[in-house]
Amino acid sequence: MEDYNISFFKPKSEFSRKNRNLVLTLVIIWAVSVFGFQILLKIIEKPVPEPALVEFNEIKANVFTNSATPYEKQILLKSLISVANKNTLNKTVEKPIIEKAINWAVYSLVTDKNAVSNNIQNIQNLKTEALNISDFVKYKEERLRIKELEKQLVAENHSELNINKNDIRAEILTSVLNTDKETLLTSEEKEKLPQIMNKFLIHNRSVLTDTTFIGFPFHYFYTAVFLLVLFVGLCYLYAKQIEQLNKQFGIED
């Protein structure tokens, strides 16, 4: 019986060598396109703070020394809200500090603290009661009523908080606000707060992330669209090249 010993990396025939070289060439093109782009992103990226962080850094000294003006507290509140909705916030360390700081900012801005606290308590009670509603239609109606109460709460304090009731920040604010009117940050929490803000409001950016292409950030288009098209194109190229090799060496399907 004739022994067949075939090795992709050590081909014995001219056809096998050309097939190997073709495969390796296409794999190298794919690898450079995928990993080379990511390496390039890493090389040219620079940390860029969001506007919310820039504003926070400008007023944090006055906030921590309790000498902040109402306007500075409004800036603080909006900066904190921009972090409060981050899904990756550590729920045991980071989230409580952000929520505590938001509560301090709100209750230090509003005039009628008791009214705000009572309204928050009422909304929290309604949310708890809504969880026991089994009828979906009634549950949905109750949730809409709660949402309206939350909007009303922000609207009543709009001039002091400087947040519109239809602003997405209003929804985030009412979701983290509680009834504790004396939520002063400890010295340890004041040290951690800037670190948390830096963590979530500084992003690595470059010309590849800031440039848009047909409506998409270029790096997103490249990785989500172009690389898929490239992969299909490489597969098509391999099929065409291998067809020519088959004809060249007289190999039939």
C-alpha atoms as a PDB file:
ATOM      1  CA  MET A   1       0.000   0.000   0.000  1.00  0.00           C
ATOM      2  CA  GLU A   2       1.385   3.409  -1.009  1.00  0.00           C
ATOM      3  CA  ASP A   3       2.154   5.734   1.947  1.00  0.00           C
ATOM      4  CA  TYR A   4       0.786   9.298   1.701  1.00  0.00           C
ATOM      5  CA  ASN A   5       2.633  11.824   3.874  1.00  0.00           C
ATOM      6  CA  ILE A   6       1.174  15.323   3.441  1.00  0.00           C
ATOM      7  CA  SER A   7       2.430  18.351   5.350  1.00  0.00           C
ATOM      8  CA  PHE A   8       1.022  21.855   4.959  1.00  0.00           C
ATOM      9  CA  PHE A   9       4.220  23.521   6.162  1.00  0.00           C
ATOM     10  CA  LYS A  10       6.593  21.199   4.257  1.00  0.00           C
ATOM     11  CA  PRO A  11       4.833  20.527   0.956  1.00  0.00           C
ATOM     12  CA  LYS A  12       6.481  18.204  -1.550  1.00  0.00           C
ATOM     13  CA  SER A  13       4.683  19.248  -4.725  1.00  0.00           C
ATOM     14  CA  GLU A  14       4.673  22.590  -6.541  1.00  0.00           C
ATOM     15  CA  PHE A  15       0.880  22.823  -6.217  1.00  0.00           C
ATOM     16  CA  SER A  16       1.045  22.313  -2.440  1.00  0.00           C
ATOM     17  CA  ARG A  17       3.789  24.930  -2.101  1.00  0.00           C
ATOM     18  CA  LYS A  18       1.794  27.523  -4.010  1.00  0.00           C
ATOM     19  CA  ASN A  19      -1.331  26.693  -2.007  1.00  0.00           C
ATOM     20  CA  ARG A  20       0.631  27.073   1.256  1.00  0.00           C
ATOM     21  CA  ASN A  21       2.118  30.391   0.165  1.00  0.00           C
ATOM     22  CA  LEU A  22      -1.313  31.673  -0.864  1.00  0.00           C
ATOM     23  CA  VAL A  23      -2.880  30.700   2.467  1.00  0.00           C
ATOM     24  CA  LEU A  24      -0.030  32.222   4.486  1.00  0.00           C
ATOM     25  CA  THR A  25      -0.166  35.448   2.452  1.00  0.00           C
ATOM     26  CA  LEU A  26      -3.901  35.854   3.039  1.00  0.00           C
ATOM     27  CA  VAL A  27      -3.539  35.034   6.754  1.00  0.00           C
ATOM     28  CA  ILE A  28      -0.775  37.648   7.088  1.00  0.00           C
ATOM     29  CA  ILE A  29      -2.941  40.265   5.342  1.00  0.00           C
ATOM     30  CA  TRP A  30      -5.814  39.444   7.713  1.00  0.00           C
ATOM     31  CA  ALA A  31      -3.588  39.486  10.841  1.00  0.00           C
ATOM     32  CA  VAL A  32      -1.953  42.806   9.929  1.00  0.00           C
ATOM     33  CA  SER A  33      -5.353  44.339   9.158  1.00  0.00           C
ATOM     34  CA  VAL A  34      -6.835  43.210  12.488  1.00  0.00           C
ATOM     35  CA  PHE A  35      -4.009  43.394  15.006  1.00  0.00           C
ATOM     36  CA  GLY A  36      -1.962  46.059  13.231  1.00  0.00           C
ATOM     37  CA  PHE A  37      -4.862  48.495  13.420  1.00  0.00           C
ATOM     38  CA  GLN A  38      -5.319  47.841  17.144  1.00  0.00           C
ATOM     39  CA  ILE A  39      -1.602  48.349  17.746  1.00  0.00           C
ATOM     40  CA  LEU A  40      -1.718  51.589  15.752  1.00  0.00           C
ATOM     41  CA  LEU A  41      -4.657  52.775  17.864  1.00  0.00           C
ATOM     42  CA  LYS A  42      -2.644  52.125  21.020  1.00  0.00           C
ATOM     43  CA  ILE A  43       0.433  53.903  19.683  1.00  0.00           C
ATOM     44  CA  ILE A  44      -1.258  57.160  18.644  1.00  0.00           C
ATOM     45  CA  GLU A  45      -4.020  57.404  21.276  1.00  0.00           C
ATOM     46  CA  LYS A  46      -3.928  60.091  23.956  1.00  0.00           C
ATOM     47  CA  PRO A  47      -6.049  60.448  27.114  1.00  0.00           C
ATOM     48  CA  VAL A  48      -8.642  63.188  26.600  1.00  0.00           C
ATOM     49  CA  PRO A  49     -10.963  64.344  29.412  1.00  0.00           C
ATOM     50  CA  GLU A  50     -14.662  64.921  28.731  1.00  0.00           C
ATOM     51  CA  PRO A  51     -16.014  68.479  29.197  1.00  0.00           C
ATOM     52  CA  ALA A  52     -17.825  67.291  32.339  1.00  0.00           C
ATOM     53  CA  LEU A  53     -14.485  66.333  33.915  1.00  0.00           C
ATOM     54  CA  VAL A  54     -12.857  69.632  32.932  1.00  0.00           C
ATOM     55  CA  GLU A  55     -15.693  71.513  34.636  1.00  0.00           C
ATOM     56  CA  PHE A  56     -15.521  69.231  37.676  1.00  0.00           C
ATOM     57  CA  ASN A  57     -11.788  69.856  38.101  1.00  0.00           C
ATOM     58  CA  GLU A  58     -12.354  73.601  37.941  1.00  0.00           C
ATOM     59  CA  ILE A  59     -14.821  73.660  40.838  1.00  0.00           C
ATOM     60  CA  LYS A  60     -13.852  70.658  42.982  1.00  0.00           C
ATOM     61  CA  ALA A  61     -11.562  72.697  45.270  1.00  0.00           C
ATOM     62  CA  ASN A  62     -14.407  75.022  46.257  1.00  0.00           C
ATOM     63  CA  VAL A  63     -16.788  72.092  46.625  1.00  0.00           C
ATOM     64  CA  PHE A  64     -14.486  70.217  48.983  1.00  0.00           C
ATOM     65  CA  THR A  65     -13.935  73.342  51.118  1.00  0.00           C
ATOM     66  CA  ASN A  66     -17.684  74.073  51.251  1.00  0.00           C
ATOM     67  CA  SER A  67     -17.197  77.445  49.546  1.00  0.00           C
ATOM     68  CA  ALA A  68     -18.829  76.550  46.221  1.00  0.00           C
ATOM     69  CA  THR A  69     -21.408  78.903  44.747  1.00  0.00           C
ATOM     70  CA  PRO A  70     -24.845  77.615  43.651  1.00  0.00           C
ATOM     71  CA  TYR A  71     -23.650  77.763  40.029  1.00  0.00           C
ATOM     72  CA  GLU A  72     -20.602  75.634  40.869  1.00  0.00           C
ATOM     73  CA  LYS A  73     -22.842  73.151  42.662  1.00  0.00           C
ATOM     74  CA  GLN A  74     -25.009  72.927  39.547  1.00  0.00           C
ATOM     75  CA  ILE A  75     -21.892  72.142  37.504  1.00  0.00           C
ATOM     76  CA  LEU A  76     -20.901  69.536  40.097  1.00  0.00           C
ATOM     77  CA  LEU A  77     -24.358  67.947  39.936  1.00  0.00           C
ATOM     78  CA  LYS A  78     -24.334  67.624  36.141  1.00  0.00           C
ATOM     79  CA  SER A  79     -20.799  66.212  36.178  1.00  0.00           C
ATOM     80  CA  LEU A  80     -21.773  63.604  38.762  1.00  0.00           C
ATOM     81  CA  ILE A  81     -24.907  62.620  36.841  1.00  0.00           C
ATOM     82  CA  SER A  82     -22.784  61.962  33.745  1.00  0.00           C
ATOM     83  CA  VAL A  83     -21.030  59.222  35.735  1.00  0.00           C
ATOM     84  CA  ALA A  84     -23.994  57.922  37.763  1.00  0.00           C
ATOM     85  CA  ASN A  85     -25.462  55.990  34.824  1.00  0.00           C
ATOM     86  CA  LYS A  86     -22.261  54.090  33.981  1.00  0.00           C
ATOM     87  CA  ASN A  87     -22.978  50.353  34.055  1.00  0.00           C
ATOM     88  CA  THR A  88     -19.408  49.537  35.105  1.00  0.00           C
ATOM     89  CA  LEU A  89     -19.553  51.555  38.340  1.00  0.00           C
ATOM     90  CA  ASN A  90     -18.427  49.452  41.283  1.00  0.00           C
ATOM     91  CA  LYS A  91     -21.646  48.975  43.262  1.00  0.00           C
ATOM     92  CA  THR A  92     -19.943  48.637  46.640  1.00  0.00           C
ATOM     93  CA  VAL A  93     -17.362  51.446  46.440  1.00  0.00           C
ATOM     94  CA  GLU A  94     -17.821  53.838  43.522  1.00  0.00           C
ATOM     95  CA  LYS A  95     -21.598  53.966  43.109  1.00  0.00           C
ATOM     96  CA  PRO A  96     -22.364  54.869  46.774  1.00  0.00           C
ATOM     97  CA  ILE A  97     -19.859  57.765  46.642  1.00  0.00           C
ATOM     98  CA  ILE A  98     -21.325  59.173  43.413  1.00  0.00           C
ATOM     99  CA  GLU A  99     -24.890  58.875  44.723  1.00  0.00           C
ATOM    100  CA  LYS A 100     -23.917  60.406  48.051  1.00  0.00           C
ATOM    101  CA  ALA A 101     -22.282  63.348  46.288  1.00  0.00           C
ATOM    102  CA  ILE A 102     -25.365  63.835  44.098  1.00  0.00           C
ATOM    103  CA  ASN A 103     -27.614  63.893  47.157  1.00  0.00           C
ATOM    104  CA  TRP A 104     -25.364  66.438  48.843  1.00  0.00           C
ATOM    105  CA  ALA A 105     -25.393  68.656  45.740  1.00  0.00           C
ATOM    106  CA  VAL A 106     -29.180  68.502  45.351  1.00  0.00           C
ATOM    107  CA  TYR A 107     -30.065  69.149  49.008  1.00  0.00           C
ATOM    108  CA  SER A 108     -27.519  71.956  49.209  1.00  0.00           C
ATOM    109  CA  LEU A 109     -29.163  73.633  46.200  1.00  0.00           C
ATOM    110  CA  VAL A 110     -32.883  73.261  46.877  1.00  0.00           C
ATOM    111  CA  THR A 111     -34.653  75.593  49.289  1.00  0.00           C
ATOM    112  CA  ASP A 112     -37.408  73.269  50.521  1.00  0.00           C
ATOM    113  CA  LYS A 113     -35.391  70.202  51.466  1.00  0.00           C
ATOM    114  CA  ASN A 114     -38.287  68.568  53.320  1.00  0.00           C
ATOM    115  CA  ALA A 115     -40.573  68.804  50.290  1.00  0.00           C
ATOM    116  CA  VAL A 116     -37.967  67.153  48.066  1.00  0.00           C
ATOM    117  CA  SER A 117     -37.333  64.436  50.638  1.00  0.00           C
ATOM    118  CA  ASN A 118     -41.071  63.749  51.049  1.00  0.00           C
ATOM    119  CA  ASN A 119     -41.590  63.569  47.283  1.00  0.00           C
ATOM    120  CA  ILE A 120     -38.683  61.157  46.915  1.00  0.00           C
ATOM    121  CA  GLN A 121     -40.070  58.994  49.696  1.00  0.00           C
ATOM    122  CA  ASN A 122     -43.483  58.979  48.007  1.00  0.00           C
ATOM    123  CA  ILE A 123     -41.951  57.955  44.670  1.00  0.00           C
ATOM    124  CA  GLN A 124     -39.919  55.188  46.317  1.00  0.00           C
ATOM    125  CA  ASN A 125     -43.073  53.852  48.022  1.00  0.00           C
ATOM    126  CA  LEU A 126     -44.948  53.842  44.713  1.00  0.00           C
ATOM    127  CA  LYS A 127     -42.093  51.983  43.030  1.00  0.00           C
ATOM    128  CA  THR A 128     -42.193  49.330  45.755  1.00  0.00           C
ATOM    129  CA  GLU A 129     -45.967  48.968  45.446  1.00  0.00           C
ATOM    130  CA  ALA A 130     -45.717  48.737  41.654  1.00  0.00           C
ATOM    131  CA  LEU A 131     -43.563  45.627  41.959  1.00  0.00           C
ATOM    132  CA  ASN A 132     -46.576  43.786  43.423  1.00  0.00           C
ATOM    133  CA  ILE A 133     -48.875  44.637  40.503  1.00  0.00           C
ATOM    134  CA  SER A 134     -49.423  41.484  38.444  1.00  0.00           C
ATOM    135  CA  ASP A 135     -51.505  43.067  35.685  1.00  0.00           C
ATOM    136  CA  PHE A 136     -49.122  44.320  32.994  1.00  0.00           C
ATOM    137  CA  VAL A 137     -51.399  47.146  31.813  1.00  0.00           C
ATOM    138  CA  LYS A 138     -51.892  48.466  35.346  1.00  0.00           C
ATOM    139  CA  TYR A 139     -48.181  48.110  36.047  1.00  0.00           C
ATOM    140  CA  LYS A 140     -47.341  50.105  32.940  1.00  0.00           C
ATOM    141  CA  GLU A 141     -49.839  52.809  33.891  1.00  0.00           C
ATOM    142  CA  GLU A 142     -48.349  53.020  37.383  1.00  0.00           C
ATOM    143  CA  ARG A 143     -44.821  53.301  36.009  1.00  0.00           C
ATOM    144  CA  LEU A 144     -45.937  56.146  33.739  1.00  0.00           C
ATOM    145  CA  ARG A 145     -47.504  57.895  36.725  1.00  0.00           C
ATOM    146  CA  ILE A 146     -44.279  57.509  38.700  1.00  0.00           C
ATOM    147  CA  LYS A 147     -42.282  58.910  35.782  1.00  0.00           C
ATOM    148  CA  GLU A 148     -44.555  61.946  35.682  1.00  0.00           C
ATOM    149  CA  LEU A 149     -44.044  62.488  39.411  1.00  0.00           C
ATOM    150  CA  GLU A 150     -40.285  62.335  38.885  1.00  0.00           C
ATOM    151  CA  LYS A 151     -40.524  64.926  36.106  1.00  0.00           C
ATOM    152  CA  GLN A 152     -42.684  67.099  38.312  1.00  0.00           C
ATOM    153  CA  LEU A 153     -40.111  66.893  41.109  1.00  0.00           C
ATOM    154  CA  VAL A 154     -37.363  68.148  38.793  1.00  0.00           C
ATOM    155  CA  ALA A 155     -39.653  70.791  37.268  1.00  0.00           C
ATOM    156  CA  GLU A 156     -40.506  72.212  40.720  1.00  0.00           C
ATOM    157  CA  ASN A 157     -36.788  72.657  41.444  1.00  0.00           C
ATOM    158  CA  HIS A 158     -35.682  73.532  37.923  1.00  0.00           C
ATOM    159  CA  SER A 159     -34.486  77.042  38.754  1.00  0.00           C
ATOM    160  CA  GLU A 160     -32.256  75.750  41.559  1.00  0.00           C
ATOM    161  CA  LEU A 161     -30.964  72.569  39.909  1.00  0.00           C
ATOM    162  CA  ASN A 162     -30.792  74.025  36.374  1.00  0.00           C
ATOM    163  CA  ILE A 163     -31.987  70.713  34.912  1.00  0.00           C
ATOM    164  CA  ASN A 164     -34.969  70.478  32.586  1.00  0.00           C
ATOM    165  CA  LYS A 165     -37.613  67.882  33.427  1.00  0.00           C
ATOM    166  CA  ASN A 166     -37.334  66.344  29.922  1.00  0.00           C
ATOM    167  CA  ASP A 167     -33.544  66.110  30.125  1.00  0.00           C
ATOM    168  CA  ILE A 168     -32.210  62.544  30.363  1.00  0.00           C
ATOM    169  CA  ARG A 169     -30.208  63.744  33.371  1.00  0.00           C
ATOM    170  CA  ALA A 170     -33.478  64.348  35.213  1.00  0.00           C
ATOM    171  CA  GLU A 171     -34.349  60.655  34.948  1.00  0.00           C
ATOM    172  CA  ILE A 172     -30.906  59.605  36.152  1.00  0.00           C
ATOM    173  CA  LEU A 173     -31.075  62.112  39.011  1.00  0.00           C
ATOM    174  CA  THR A 174     -34.407  60.883  40.372  1.00  0.00           C
ATOM    175  CA  SER A 175     -33.251  57.265  40.149  1.00  0.00           C
ATOM    176  CA  VAL A 176     -30.346  57.845  42.566  1.00  0.00           C
ATOM    177  CA  LEU A 177     -31.786  60.559  44.807  1.00  0.00           C
ATOM    178  CA  ASN A 178     -32.823  59.454  48.305  1.00  0.00           C
ATOM    179  CA  THR A 179     -34.286  61.023  51.432  1.00  0.00           C
ATOM    180  CA  ASP A 180     -31.024  61.600  53.302  1.00  0.00           C
ATOM    181  CA  LYS A 181     -30.627  65.378  53.534  1.00  0.00           C
ATOM    182  CA  GLU A 182     -27.279  65.283  55.371  1.00  0.00           C
ATOM    183  CA  THR A 183     -25.144  63.271  52.964  1.00  0.00           C
ATOM    184  CA  LEU A 184     -21.783  64.969  53.516  1.00  0.00           C
ATOM    185  CA  LEU A 185     -18.777  63.224  52.018  1.00  0.00           C
ATOM    186  CA  THR A 186     -16.083  61.982  54.361  1.00  0.00           C
ATOM    187  CA  SER A 187     -12.453  62.986  53.795  1.00  0.00           C
ATOM    188  CA  GLU A 188     -11.738  59.523  52.386  1.00  0.00           C
ATOM    189  CA  GLU A 189     -14.672  59.787  49.971  1.00  0.00           C
ATOM    190  CA  LYS A 190     -13.489  63.246  48.861  1.00  0.00           C
ATOM    191  CA  GLU A 191     -10.153  61.694  47.917  1.00  0.00           C
ATOM    192  CA  LYS A 192     -11.795  58.877  45.971  1.00  0.00           C
ATOM    193  CA  LEU A 193     -14.319  61.032  44.101  1.00  0.00           C
ATOM    194  CA  PRO A 194     -11.796  62.652  41.674  1.00  0.00           C
ATOM    195  CA  GLN A 195     -10.313  59.206  40.996  1.00  0.00           C
ATOM    196  CA  ILE A 196     -13.751  57.869  40.078  1.00  0.00           C
ATOM    197  CA  MET A 197     -14.448  60.866  37.853  1.00  0.00           C
ATOM    198  CA  ASN A 198     -11.096  60.428  36.078  1.00  0.00           C
ATOM    199  CA  LYS A 199     -11.744  56.736  35.564  1.00  0.00           C
ATOM    200  CA  PHE A 200     -15.026  57.260  33.726  1.00  0.00           C
ATOM    201  CA  LEU A 201     -14.530  60.661  32.087  1.00  0.00           C
ATOM    202  CA  ILE A 202     -11.068  60.260  30.533  1.00  0.00           C
ATOM    203  CA  HIS A 203     -11.018  58.388  27.225  1.00  0.00           C
ATOM    204  CA  ASN A 204      -8.166  57.462  24.923  1.00  0.00           C
ATOM    205  CA  ARG A 205      -8.716  59.204  21.591  1.00  0.00           C
ATOM    206  CA  SER A 206      -6.853  59.819  18.339  1.00  0.00           C
ATOM    207  CA  VAL A 207      -7.437  60.940  14.777  1.00  0.00           C
ATOM    208  CA  LEU A 208      -8.698  57.415  14.048  1.00  0.00           C
ATOM    209  CA  THR A 209     -11.442  57.690  16.667  1.00  0.00           C
ATOM    210  CA  ASP A 210     -12.351  61.334  16.023  1.00  0.00           C
ATOM    211  CA  THR A 211     -12.608  61.042  12.225  1.00  0.00           C
ATOM    212  CA  THR A 212     -16.016  60.064  10.859  1.00  0.00           C
ATOM    213  CA  PHE A 213     -16.569  57.927   7.752  1.00  0.00           C
ATOM    214  CA  ILE A 214     -20.048  57.643   6.176  1.00  0.00           C
ATOM    215  CA  GLY A 215     -21.541  58.661   9.489  1.00  0.00           C
ATOM    216  CA  PHE A 216     -19.526  56.333  11.747  1.00  0.00           C
ATOM    217  CA  PRO A 217     -16.385  56.961  13.823  1.00  0.00           C
ATOM    218  CA  PHE A 218     -13.624  55.599  11.600  1.00  0.00           C
ATOM    219  CA  HIS A 219     -12.324  53.036  14.126  1.00  0.00           C
ATOM    220  CA  TYR A 220     -15.853  51.655  14.555  1.00  0.00           C
ATOM    221  CA  PHE A 221     -16.456  51.445  10.803  1.00  0.00           C
ATOM    222  CA  TYR A 222     -13.073  49.789  10.281  1.00  0.00           C
ATOM    223  CA  THR A 223     -13.559  47.066  12.903  1.00  0.00           C
ATOM    224  CA  ALA A 224     -17.320  46.499  12.563  1.00  0.00           C
ATOM    225  CA  VAL A 225     -17.744  46.817   8.807  1.00  0.00           C
ATOM    226  CA  PHE A 226     -14.497  46.907   6.843  1.00  0.00           C
ATOM    227  CA  LEU A 227     -12.870  43.880   8.526  1.00  0.00           C
ATOM    228  CA  LEU A 228     -15.952  41.761   7.787  1.00  0.00           C
ATOM    229  CA  VAL A 229     -15.882  42.852   4.131  1.00  0.00           C
ATOM    230  CA  LEU A 230     -12.133  42.189   4.039  1.00  0.00           C
ATOM    231  CA  PHE A 231     -12.576  38.654   5.401  1.00  0.00           C
ATOM    232  CA  VAL A 232     -15.204  37.827   2.779  1.00  0.00           C
ATOM    233  CA  GLY A 233     -12.968  39.389   0.134  1.00  0.00           C
ATOM    234  CA  LEU A 234      -9.993  37.263   1.194  1.00  0.00           C
ATOM    235  CA  CYS A 235     -12.135  34.129   1.051  1.00  0.00           C
ATOM    236  CA  TYR A 236     -13.276  35.068  -2.456  1.00  0.00           C
ATOM    237  CA  LEU A 237      -9.678  35.806  -3.509  1.00  0.00           C
ATOM    238  CA  TYR A 238      -8.536  32.406  -2.209  1.00  0.00           C
ATOM    239  CA  ALA A 239     -11.334  30.659  -4.122  1.00  0.00           C
ATOM    240  CA  LYS A 240     -10.381  32.430  -7.364  1.00  0.00           C
ATOM    241  CA  GLN A 241      -6.646  31.795  -6.936  1.00  0.00           C
ATOM    242  CA  ILE A 242      -7.085  28.134  -6.038  1.00  0.00           C
ATOM    243  CA  GLU A 243      -9.322  27.715  -9.095  1.00  0.00           C
ATOM    244  CA  GLN A 244      -6.528  29.045 -11.291  1.00  0.00           C
ATOM    245  CA  LEU A 245      -3.997  26.756  -9.606  1.00  0.00           C
ATOM    246  CA  ASN A 246      -6.271  23.774 -10.228  1.00  0.00           C
ATOM    247  CA  LYS A 247      -6.423  24.642 -13.930  1.00  0.00           C
ATOM    248  CA  GLN A 248      -2.670  25.255 -14.059  1.00  0.00           C
ATOM    249  CA  PHE A 249      -1.825  21.848 -12.601  1.00  0.00           C
ATOM    250  CA  GLY A 250      -4.653  19.991 -14.312  1.00  0.00           C
ATOM    251  CA  ILE A 251      -6.550  19.172 -11.101  1.00  0.00           C
ATOM    252  CA  GLU A 252     -10.273  18.513 -11.583  1.00  0.00           C
ATOM    253  CA  ASP A 253     -13.013  18.759  -8.975  1.00  0.00           C
END
